[in-house]
Amino acid sequence: IKVLHPLLTATQEGNYKGTEGFGAIPFDGIVLAH
C-alpha cells in the first residue's frame, strides 16, 4: 500500500512528491490498472 500512495495525490491533486525535498511533480494523465 505504501507504494500506491503517490497515486492518490497524482490523481486527486494533479501532482505528487518525489523522494527528495524539492517541490511536487505534476501529473495530468491517466492511470490504468488491472
ModelCIF file with pLDDT and N, C-alpha, C, O atoms, coordinates in Angstrom:
data_MODEL
#
_entry.id   MODEL 
#
_entity.id                         1 
_entity.type                       polymer 
_entity.pdbx_number_of_molecules   1 
#
_entity_poly.entity_id                      1 
_entity_poly.type                           'polypeptide(L)' 
_entity_poly.nstd_linkage                   no 
_entity_poly.nstd_monomer                   no 
_entity_poly.pdbx_seq_one_letter_code       IKVLHPLLTATQEGNYKGTEGFGAIPFDGIVLAH 
_entity_poly.pdbx_seq_one_letter_code_can   IKVLHPLLTATQEGNYKGTEGFGAIPFDGIVLAH 
_entity_poly.pdbx_strand_id                 A 
#
loop_
_entity_poly_seq.entity_id 
_entity_poly_seq.num 
_entity_poly_seq.mon_id 
_entity_poly_seq.hetero 
1 1  ILE n 
1 2  LYS n 
1 3  VAL n 
1 4  LEU n 
1 5  HIS n 
1 6  PRO n 
1 7  LEU n 
1 8  LEU n 
1 9  THR n 
1 10 ALA n 
1 11 THR n 
1 12 GLN n 
1 13 GLU n 
1 14 GLY n 
1 15 ASN n 
1 16 TYR n 
1 17 LYS n 
1 18 GLY n 
1 19 THR n 
1 20 GLU n 
1 21 GLY n 
1 22 PHE n 
1 23 GLY n 
1 24 ALA n 
1 25 ILE n 
1 26 PRO n 
1 27 PHE n 
1 28 ASP n 
1 29 GLY n 
1 30 ILE n 
1 31 VAL n 
1 32 LEU n 
1 33 ALA n 
1 34 HIS n 
#
_struct_asym.id          A 
_struct_asym.entity_id   1 
#
loop_
_ma_qa_metric.id 
_ma_qa_metric.mode 
_ma_qa_metric.name 
_ma_qa_metric.software_group_id 
_ma_qa_metric.type 
1 global pLDDT . pLDDT 
2 local  pLDDT . pLDDT 
#
_ma_qa_metric_global.metric_id      1 
_ma_qa_metric_global.metric_value   85.26 
_ma_qa_metric_global.model_id       1 
_ma_qa_metric_global.ordinal_id     1 
#
loop_
_ma_qa_metric_local.label_asym_id 
_ma_qa_metric_local.label_comp_id 
_ma_qa_metric_local.label_seq_id 
_ma_qa_metric_local.metric_id 
_ma_qa_metric_local.metric_value 
_ma_qa_metric_local.model_id 
_ma_qa_metric_local.ordinal_id 
A ILE 1  2 77.00 1 1  
A LYS 2  2 77.00 1 2  
A VAL 3  2 79.00 1 3  
A LEU 4  2 81.00 1 4  
A HIS 5  2 82.00 1 5  
A PRO 6  2 85.00 1 6  
A LEU 7  2 85.00 1 7  
A LEU 8  2 85.00 1 8  
A THR 9  2 85.00 1 9  
A ALA 10 2 87.00 1 10 
A THR 11 2 87.00 1 11 
A GLN 12 2 86.00 1 12 
A GLU 13 2 86.00 1 13 
A GLY 14 2 87.00 1 14 
A ASN 15 2 86.00 1 15 
A TYR 16 2 85.00 1 16 
A LYS 17 2 86.00 1 17 
A GLY 18 2 82.00 1 18 
A THR 19 2 82.00 1 19 
A GLU 20 2 79.00 1 20 
A GLY 21 2 76.00 1 21 
A PHE 22 2 82.00 1 22 
A GLY 23 2 81.00 1 23 
A ALA 24 2 86.00 1 24 
A ILE 25 2 89.00 1 25 
A PRO 26 2 91.00 1 26 
A PHE 27 2 90.00 1 27 
A ASP 28 2 90.00 1 28 
A GLY 29 2 90.00 1 29 
A ILE 30 2 92.00 1 30 
A VAL 31 2 92.00 1 31 
A LEU 32 2 93.00 1 32 
A ALA 33 2 90.00 1 33 
A HIS 34 2 88.00 1 34 
#
loop_
_atom_site.group_PDB 
_atom_site.id 
_atom_site.type_symbol 
_atom_site.label_atom_id 
_atom_site.label_alt_id 
_atom_site.label_comp_id 
_atom_site.label_asym_id 
_atom_site.label_entity_id 
_atom_site.label_seq_id 
_atom_site.pdbx_PDB_ins_code 
_atom_site.Cartn_x 
_atom_site.Cartn_y 
_atom_site.Cartn_z 
_atom_site.occupancy 
_atom_site.B_iso_or_equiv 
_atom_site.pdbx_formal_charge 
_atom_site.auth_seq_id 
_atom_site.auth_comp_id 
_atom_site.auth_asym_id 
_atom_site.auth_atom_id 
_atom_site.pdbx_PDB_model_num 
ATOM 1   N N  . ILE A 1 1  ? 0.815  -1.210 0.000   1.00 77.00 ? 1  ILE A N  1 
ATOM 2   C CA . ILE A 1 1  ? 0.000  0.000  0.000   1.00 77.00 ? 1  ILE A CA 1 
ATOM 3   C C  . ILE A 1 1  ? 0.854  1.267  0.000   1.00 77.00 ? 1  ILE A C  1 
ATOM 4   O O  . ILE A 1 1  ? 0.456  2.286  -0.564  1.00 77.00 ? 1  ILE A O  1 
ATOM 5   N N  . LYS A 1 2  ? 2.047  1.202  0.643   1.00 77.00 ? 2  LYS A N  1 
ATOM 6   C CA . LYS A 1 2  ? 2.900  2.405  0.681   1.00 77.00 ? 2  LYS A CA 1 
ATOM 7   C C  . LYS A 1 2  ? 3.354  2.807  -0.722  1.00 77.00 ? 2  LYS A C  1 
ATOM 8   O O  . LYS A 1 2  ? 3.588  3.986  -0.991  1.00 77.00 ? 2  LYS A O  1 
ATOM 9   N N  . VAL A 1 3  ? 3.477  1.829  -1.606  1.00 79.00 ? 3  VAL A N  1 
ATOM 10  C CA . VAL A 1 3  ? 3.892  2.123  -2.977  1.00 79.00 ? 3  VAL A CA 1 
ATOM 11  C C  . VAL A 1 3  ? 2.766  2.805  -3.751  1.00 79.00 ? 3  VAL A C  1 
ATOM 12  O O  . VAL A 1 3  ? 3.017  3.557  -4.692  1.00 79.00 ? 3  VAL A O  1 
ATOM 13  N N  . LEU A 1 4  ? 1.528  2.537  -3.350  1.00 81.00 ? 4  LEU A N  1 
ATOM 14  C CA . LEU A 1 4  ? 0.381  3.084  -4.075  1.00 81.00 ? 4  LEU A CA 1 
ATOM 15  C C  . LEU A 1 4  ? 0.019  4.505  -3.645  1.00 81.00 ? 4  LEU A C  1 
ATOM 16  O O  . LEU A 1 4  ? -0.745 5.177  -4.340  1.00 81.00 ? 4  LEU A O  1 
ATOM 17  N N  . HIS A 1 5  ? 0.546  4.973  -2.524  1.00 82.00 ? 5  HIS A N  1 
ATOM 18  C CA . HIS A 1 5  ? 0.183  6.294  -2.014  1.00 82.00 ? 5  HIS A CA 1 
ATOM 19  C C  . HIS A 1 5  ? 0.407  7.435  -3.008  1.00 82.00 ? 5  HIS A C  1 
ATOM 20  O O  . HIS A 1 5  ? -0.445 8.319  -3.096  1.00 82.00 ? 5  HIS A O  1 
ATOM 21  N N  . PRO A 1 6  ? 1.520  7.459  -3.766  1.00 85.00 ? 6  PRO A N  1 
ATOM 22  C CA . PRO A 1 6  ? 1.695  8.564  -4.727  1.00 85.00 ? 6  PRO A CA 1 
ATOM 23  C C  . PRO A 1 6  ? 0.560  8.656  -5.748  1.00 85.00 ? 6  PRO A C  1 
ATOM 24  O O  . PRO A 1 6  ? 0.285  9.730  -6.282  1.00 85.00 ? 6  PRO A O  1 
ATOM 25  N N  . LEU A 1 7  ? -0.102 7.512  -6.019  1.00 85.00 ? 7  LEU A N  1 
ATOM 26  C CA . LEU A 1 7  ? -1.202 7.541  -6.991  1.00 85.00 ? 7  LEU A CA 1 
ATOM 27  C C  . LEU A 1 7  ? -2.368 8.382  -6.488  1.00 85.00 ? 7  LEU A C  1 
ATOM 28  O O  . LEU A 1 7  ? -3.082 8.995  -7.281  1.00 85.00 ? 7  LEU A O  1 
ATOM 29  N N  . LEU A 1 8  ? -2.563 8.413  -5.172  1.00 85.00 ? 8  LEU A N  1 
ATOM 30  C CA . LEU A 1 8  ? -3.680 9.169  -4.608  1.00 85.00 ? 8  LEU A CA 1 
ATOM 31  C C  . LEU A 1 8  ? -3.545 10.658 -4.909  1.00 85.00 ? 8  LEU A C  1 
ATOM 32  O O  . LEU A 1 8  ? -4.476 11.286 -5.414  1.00 85.00 ? 8  LEU A O  1 
ATOM 33  N N  . THR A 1 9  ? -2.366 11.222 -4.591  1.00 85.00 ? 9  THR A N  1 
ATOM 34  C CA . THR A 1 9  ? -2.195 12.658 -4.841  1.00 85.00 ? 9  THR A CA 1 
ATOM 35  C C  . THR A 1 9  ? -2.051 12.944 -6.328  1.00 85.00 ? 9  THR A C  1 
ATOM 36  O O  . THR A 1 9  ? -2.473 14.000 -6.800  1.00 85.00 ? 9  THR A O  1 
ATOM 37  N N  . ALA A 1 10 ? -1.449 11.999 -7.082  1.00 87.00 ? 10 ALA A N  1 
ATOM 38  C CA . ALA A 1 10 ? -1.275 12.218 -8.531  1.00 87.00 ? 10 ALA A CA 1 
ATOM 39  C C  . ALA A 1 10 ? -2.625 12.345 -9.219  1.00 87.00 ? 10 ALA A C  1 
ATOM 40  O O  . ALA A 1 10 ? -2.806 13.197 -10.089 1.00 87.00 ? 10 ALA A O  1 
ATOM 41  N N  . THR A 1 11 ? -3.579 11.490 -8.826  1.00 87.00 ? 11 THR A N  1 
ATOM 42  C CA . THR A 1 11 ? -4.892 11.518 -9.490  1.00 87.00 ? 11 THR A CA 1 
ATOM 43  C C  . THR A 1 11 ? -5.793 12.602 -8.911  1.00 87.00 ? 11 THR A C  1 
ATOM 44  O O  . THR A 1 11 ? -6.518 13.264 -9.655  1.00 87.00 ? 11 THR A O  1 
ATOM 45  N N  . GLN A 1 12 ? -5.758 12.795 -7.580  1.00 86.00 ? 12 GLN A N  1 
ATOM 46  C CA . GLN A 1 12 ? -6.669 13.743 -6.939  1.00 86.00 ? 12 GLN A CA 1 
ATOM 47  C C  . GLN A 1 12 ? -6.213 15.195 -7.088  1.00 86.00 ? 12 GLN A C  1 
ATOM 48  O O  . GLN A 1 12 ? -7.028 16.082 -7.341  1.00 86.00 ? 12 GLN A O  1 
ATOM 49  N N  . GLU A 1 13 ? -4.913 15.434 -6.930  1.00 86.00 ? 13 GLU A N  1 
ATOM 50  C CA . GLU A 1 13 ? -4.414 16.802 -6.904  1.00 86.00 ? 13 GLU A CA 1 
ATOM 51  C C  . GLU A 1 13 ? -3.609 17.186 -8.141  1.00 86.00 ? 13 GLU A C  1 
ATOM 52  O O  . GLU A 1 13 ? -3.256 18.351 -8.322  1.00 86.00 ? 13 GLU A O  1 
ATOM 53  N N  . GLY A 1 14 ? -3.319 16.197 -8.994  1.00 87.00 ? 14 GLY A N  1 
ATOM 54  C CA . GLY A 1 14 ? -2.563 16.504 -10.217 1.00 87.00 ? 14 GLY A CA 1 
ATOM 55  C C  . GLY A 1 14 ? -1.080 16.679 -9.985  1.00 87.00 ? 14 GLY A C  1 
ATOM 56  O O  . GLY A 1 14 ? -0.385 17.220 -10.846 1.00 87.00 ? 14 GLY A O  1 
ATOM 57  N N  . ASN A 1 15 ? -0.569 16.232 -8.833  1.00 86.00 ? 15 ASN A N  1 
ATOM 58  C CA . ASN A 1 15 ? 0.878  16.273 -8.575  1.00 86.00 ? 15 ASN A CA 1 
ATOM 59  C C  . ASN A 1 15 ? 1.219  15.265 -7.486  1.00 86.00 ? 15 ASN A C  1 
ATOM 60  O O  . ASN A 1 15 ? 0.326  14.733 -6.826  1.00 86.00 ? 15 ASN A O  1 
ATOM 61  N N  . TYR A 1 16 ? 2.490  15.004 -7.302  1.00 85.00 ? 16 TYR A N  1 
ATOM 62  C CA . TYR A 1 16 ? 2.945  14.036 -6.309  1.00 85.00 ? 16 TYR A CA 1 
ATOM 63  C C  . TYR A 1 16 ? 4.353  14.425 -5.864  1.00 85.00 ? 16 TYR A C  1 
ATOM 64  O O  . TYR A 1 16 ? 5.055  15.152 -6.567  1.00 85.00 ? 16 TYR A O  1 
ATOM 65  N N  . LYS A 1 17 ? 4.757  13.943 -4.709  1.00 86.00 ? 17 LYS A N  1 
ATOM 66  C CA . LYS A 1 17 ? 6.085  14.244 -4.190  1.00 86.00 ? 17 LYS A CA 1 
ATOM 67  C C  . LYS A 1 17 ? 7.089  13.209 -4.672  1.00 86.00 ? 17 LYS A C  1 
ATOM 68  O O  . LYS A 1 17 ? 6.795  12.015 -4.727  1.00 86.00 ? 17 LYS A O  1 
ATOM 69  N N  . GLY A 1 18 ? 8.282  13.685 -5.022  1.00 82.00 ? 18 GLY A N  1 
ATOM 70  C CA . GLY A 1 18 ? 9.376  12.776 -5.337  1.00 82.00 ? 18 GLY A CA 1 
ATOM 71  C C  . GLY A 1 18 ? 10.031 12.292 -4.061  1.00 82.00 ? 18 GLY A C  1 
ATOM 72  O O  . GLY A 1 18 ? 9.492  12.496 -2.973  1.00 82.00 ? 18 GLY A O  1 
ATOM 73  N N  . THR A 1 19 ? 11.175 11.659 -4.174  1.00 82.00 ? 19 THR A N  1 
ATOM 74  C CA . THR A 1 19 ? 11.847 11.125 -2.980  1.00 82.00 ? 19 THR A CA 1 
ATOM 75  C C  . THR A 1 19 ? 12.730 12.173 -2.321  1.00 82.00 ? 19 THR A C  1 
ATOM 76  O O  . THR A 1 19 ? 13.283 11.926 -1.250  1.00 82.00 ? 19 THR A O  1 
ATOM 77  N N  . GLU A 1 20 ? 12.873 13.349 -2.950  1.00 79.00 ? 20 GLU A N  1 
ATOM 78  C CA . GLU A 1 20 ? 13.744 14.391 -2.398  1.00 79.00 ? 20 GLU A CA 1 
ATOM 79  C C  . GLU A 1 20 ? 12.926 15.602 -1.931  1.00 79.00 ? 20 GLU A C  1 
ATOM 80  O O  . GLU A 1 20 ? 11.697 15.608 -2.015  1.00 79.00 ? 20 GLU A O  1 
ATOM 81  N N  . GLY A 1 21 ? 13.633 16.623 -1.440  1.00 76.00 ? 21 GLY A N  1 
ATOM 82  C CA . GLY A 1 21 ? 12.950 17.721 -0.773  1.00 76.00 ? 21 GLY A CA 1 
ATOM 83  C C  . GLY A 1 21 ? 12.486 18.861 -1.649  1.00 76.00 ? 21 GLY A C  1 
ATOM 84  O O  . GLY A 1 21 ? 12.068 19.892 -1.122  1.00 76.00 ? 21 GLY A O  1 
ATOM 85  N N  . PHE A 1 22 ? 12.541 18.723 -2.971  1.00 82.00 ? 22 PHE A N  1 
ATOM 86  C CA . PHE A 1 22 ? 12.041 19.814 -3.813  1.00 82.00 ? 22 PHE A CA 1 
ATOM 87  C C  . PHE A 1 22 ? 10.524 19.720 -3.997  1.00 82.00 ? 22 PHE A C  1 
ATOM 88  O O  . PHE A 1 22 ? 9.872  18.835 -3.443  1.00 82.00 ? 22 PHE A O  1 
ATOM 89  N N  . GLY A 1 23 ? 9.973  20.654 -4.790  1.00 81.00 ? 23 GLY A N  1 
ATOM 90  C CA . GLY A 1 23 ? 8.518  20.749 -4.925  1.00 81.00 ? 23 GLY A CA 1 
ATOM 91  C C  . GLY A 1 23 ? 7.876  19.539 -5.593  1.00 81.00 ? 23 GLY A C  1 
ATOM 92  O O  . GLY A 1 23 ? 8.551  18.610 -6.035  1.00 81.00 ? 23 GLY A O  1 
ATOM 93  N N  . ALA A 1 24 ? 6.550  19.585 -5.650  1.00 86.00 ? 24 ALA A N  1 
ATOM 94  C CA . ALA A 1 24 ? 5.775  18.478 -6.222  1.00 86.00 ? 24 ALA A CA 1 
ATOM 95  C C  . ALA A 1 24 ? 5.975  18.391 -7.734  1.00 86.00 ? 24 ALA A C  1 
ATOM 96  O O  . ALA A 1 24 ? 6.237  19.391 -8.403  1.00 86.00 ? 24 ALA A O  1 
ATOM 97  N N  . ILE A 1 25 ? 5.845  17.179 -8.248  1.00 89.00 ? 25 ILE A N  1 
ATOM 98  C CA . ILE A 1 25 ? 5.989  16.908 -9.693  1.00 89.00 ? 25 ILE A CA 1 
ATOM 99  C C  . ILE A 1 25 ? 4.586  16.776 -10.274 1.00 89.00 ? 25 ILE A C  1 
ATOM 100 O O  . ILE A 1 25 ? 3.740  16.105 -9.683  1.00 89.00 ? 25 ILE A O  1 
ATOM 101 N N  . PRO A 1 26 ? 4.315  17.414 -11.441 1.00 91.00 ? 26 PRO A N  1 
ATOM 102 C CA . PRO A 1 26 ? 2.947  17.367 -11.985 1.00 91.00 ? 26 PRO A CA 1 
ATOM 103 C C  . PRO A 1 26 ? 2.596  16.028 -12.616 1.00 91.00 ? 26 PRO A C  1 
ATOM 104 O O  . PRO A 1 26 ? 3.458  15.318 -13.133 1.00 91.00 ? 26 PRO A O  1 
ATOM 105 N N  . PHE A 1 27 ? 1.314  15.703 -12.560 1.00 90.00 ? 27 PHE A N  1 
ATOM 106 C CA . PHE A 1 27 ? 0.801  14.548 -13.320 1.00 90.00 ? 27 PHE A CA 1 
ATOM 107 C C  . PHE A 1 27 ? -0.586 14.890 -13.838 1.00 90.00 ? 27 PHE A C  1 
ATOM 108 O O  . PHE A 1 27 ? -1.516 15.110 -13.063 1.00 90.00 ? 27 PHE A O  1 
ATOM 109 N N  . ASP A 1 28 ? -0.709 14.931 -15.133 1.00 90.00 ? 28 ASP A N  1 
ATOM 110 C CA . ASP A 1 28 ? -2.009 15.210 -15.761 1.00 90.00 ? 28 ASP A CA 1 
ATOM 111 C C  . ASP A 1 28 ? -2.232 14.146 -16.830 1.00 90.00 ? 28 ASP A C  1 
ATOM 112 O O  . ASP A 1 28 ? -2.212 14.426 -18.028 1.00 90.00 ? 28 ASP A O  1 
ATOM 113 N N  . GLY A 1 29 ? -2.444 12.922 -16.362 1.00 90.00 ? 29 GLY A N  1 
ATOM 114 C CA . GLY A 1 29 ? -2.601 11.813 -17.305 1.00 90.00 ? 29 GLY A CA 1 
ATOM 115 C C  . GLY A 1 29 ? -3.595 10.799 -16.786 1.00 90.00 ? 29 GLY A C  1 
ATOM 116 O O  . GLY A 1 29 ? -4.403 11.094 -15.905 1.00 90.00 ? 29 GLY A O  1 
ATOM 117 N N  . ILE A 1 30 ? -3.529 9.596  -17.341 1.00 92.00 ? 30 ILE A N  1 
ATOM 118 C CA . ILE A 1 30 ? -4.453 8.516  -16.999 1.00 92.00 ? 30 ILE A CA 1 
ATOM 119 C C  . ILE A 1 30 ? -3.667 7.402  -16.318 1.00 92.00 ? 30 ILE A C  1 
ATOM 120 O O  . ILE A 1 30 ? -2.605 7.000  -16.795 1.00 92.00 ? 30 ILE A O  1 
ATOM 121 N N  . VAL A 1 31 ? -4.193 6.909  -15.207 1.00 92.00 ? 31 VAL A N  1 
ATOM 122 C CA . VAL A 1 31 ? -3.609 5.720  -14.576 1.00 92.00 ? 31 VAL A CA 1 
ATOM 123 C C  . VAL A 1 31 ? -4.540 4.551  -14.878 1.00 92.00 ? 31 VAL A C  1 
ATOM 124 O O  . VAL A 1 31 ? -5.707 4.544  -14.489 1.00 92.00 ? 31 VAL A O  1 
ATOM 125 N N  . LEU A 1 32 ? -3.992 3.568  -15.581 1.00 93.00 ? 32 LEU A N  1 
ATOM 126 C CA . LEU A 1 32 ? -4.748 2.367  -15.949 1.00 93.00 ? 32 LEU A CA 1 
ATOM 127 C C  . LEU A 1 32 ? -4.174 1.191  -15.176 1.00 93.00 ? 32 LEU A C  1 
ATOM 128 O O  . LEU A 1 32 ? -2.999 0.861  -15.332 1.00 93.00 ? 32 LEU A O  1 
ATOM 129 N N  . ALA A 1 33 ? -4.982 0.564  -14.355 1.00 90.00 ? 33 ALA A N  1 
ATOM 130 C CA . ALA A 1 33 ? -4.506 -0.562 -13.554 1.00 90.00 ? 33 ALA A CA 1 
ATOM 131 C C  . ALA A 1 33 ? -5.348 -1.791 -13.843 1.00 90.00 ? 33 ALA A C  1 
ATOM 132 O O  . ALA A 1 33 ? -6.491 -1.683 -14.287 1.00 90.00 ? 33 ALA A O  1 
ATOM 133 N N  . HIS A 1 34 ? -4.778 -2.958 -13.589 1.00 88.00 ? 34 HIS A N  1 
ATOM 134 C CA . HIS A 1 34 ? -5.566 -4.186 -13.706 1.00 88.00 ? 34 HIS A CA 1 
ATOM 135 C C  . HIS A 1 34 ? -4.951 -5.280 -12.850 1.00 88.00 ? 34 HIS A C  1 
ATOM 136 O O  . HIS A 1 34 ? -5.468 -6.397 -12.811 1.00 88.00 ? 34 HIS A O  1 
#
